Amino acid sequence: MDQNKKEIYKGKEIIYEIPTTAEKNVGEIHVTIDKEHIHATRMEDGSYGTHLLPFQNYGSVEELTRDVIDKVPQFRKGLSK
């Protein structure tokens, strides 16, 4: 079973589809920013990463997603402060 979580960050709607079963503790997490899907991965050590910000690990998928919005040009368009 997956758990959906929504939030707004700098005017962008974010939807997280977070796996809740033990078997899915490592692997892909579906994240949508303003209807555009990004790939986030939960690593074995519990950190999160994405190919959009290579060589960076995050303590939470929310922190990762906010950094994508702040740093990746395609998501910076139309940001509210």
Protein backbone atom coordinates (compact mmCIF):
# COMPACT_ATOMS: atom_id res chain seq x y z
CA MET A 1 0.00 0.00 0.00
CA ASP A 2 1.33 3.46 -0.88
CA GLN A 3 0.77 6.62 1.11
CA ASN A 4 0.13 9.87 -0.75
CA LYS A 5 1.29 13.16 0.70
CA LYS A 6 0.76 16.62 -0.81
CA GLU A 7 2.38 19.95 -0.10
CA ILE A 8 2.97 23.35 -1.71
CA TYR A 9 6.53 24.69 -1.82
CA LYS A 10 7.24 28.08 -3.39
CA GLY A 11 3.98 27.87 -5.32
CA LYS A 12 4.69 24.38 -6.70
CA GLU A 13 2.33 21.50 -5.92
CA ILE A 14 4.22 18.40 -4.84
CA ILE A 15 2.69 14.94 -4.56
CA TYR A 16 4.66 12.12 -2.95
CA GLU A 17 3.68 8.47 -3.37
CA ILE A 18 5.57 6.88 -0.50
CA PRO A 19 5.68 3.08 -0.14
CA THR A 20 4.61 1.95 3.32
CA THR A 21 5.44 -1.77 3.24
CA ALA A 22 8.72 -3.15 4.58
CA GLU A 23 9.54 -4.70 1.19
CA LYS A 24 9.59 -1.25 -0.40
CA ASN A 25 11.95 0.47 2.06
CA VAL A 26 14.61 0.73 -0.64
CA GLY A 27 13.83 1.79 -4.19
CA GLU A 28 11.95 4.31 -6.26
CA ILE A 29 9.60 6.88 -4.80
CA HIS A 30 7.20 8.59 -7.17
CA VAL A 31 7.27 12.37 -6.84
CA THR A 32 5.28 14.79 -8.95
CA ILE A 33 6.04 18.52 -9.11
CA ASP A 34 3.27 20.49 -10.85
CA LYS A 35 2.24 17.32 -12.74
CA GLU A 36 5.82 16.54 -13.85
CA HIS A 37 7.23 13.26 -12.54
CA ILE A 38 10.75 13.01 -11.12
CA HIS A 39 12.64 9.90 -10.08
CA ALA A 40 13.73 9.75 -6.45
CA THR A 41 15.42 6.74 -4.90
CA ARG A 42 15.66 5.64 -1.28
CA MET A 43 19.11 4.16 -0.71
CA GLU A 44 20.00 1.26 1.58
CA ASP A 45 21.44 3.67 4.15
CA GLY A 46 18.09 5.52 4.34
CA SER A 47 19.19 8.57 2.37
CA TYR A 48 17.49 9.80 -0.82
CA GLY A 49 18.92 10.72 -4.20
CA THR A 50 17.92 11.69 -7.75
CA HIS A 51 19.68 11.81 -11.10
CA LEU A 52 18.66 15.48 -11.33
CA LEU A 53 21.13 16.32 -8.53
CA PRO A 54 23.88 13.70 -8.88
CA PHE A 55 26.34 12.98 -6.06
CA GLN A 56 24.03 14.52 -3.46
CA ASN A 57 22.18 12.60 -0.77
CA TYR A 58 19.34 13.90 1.37
CA GLY A 59 17.87 12.94 4.73
CA SER A 60 14.30 13.03 3.43
CA VAL A 61 12.47 12.90 0.13
CA GLU A 62 10.91 16.26 0.99
CA GLU A 63 14.33 17.88 1.39
CA LEU A 64 15.43 16.36 -1.94
CA THR A 65 12.33 17.63 -3.74
CA ARG A 66 12.69 21.17 -2.37
CA ASP A 67 16.30 21.24 -3.56
CA VAL A 68 15.20 20.08 -7.03
CA ILE A 69 12.77 23.01 -7.15
CA ASP A 70 15.44 25.44 -5.94
CA LYS A 71 18.33 24.22 -8.12
CA VAL A 72 17.08 22.53 -11.33
CA PRO A 73 16.33 25.16 -14.01
CA GLN A 74 13.24 23.44 -15.44
CA PHE A 75 11.57 23.58 -12.00
CA ARG A 76 12.74 27.11 -11.07
CA LYS A 77 10.48 28.71 -13.67
CA GLY A 78 7.64 30.65 -12.10
CA LEU A 79 8.78 30.23 -8.50
CA SER A 80 7.02 32.25 -5.85
CA LYS A 81 9.05 33.24 -2.80
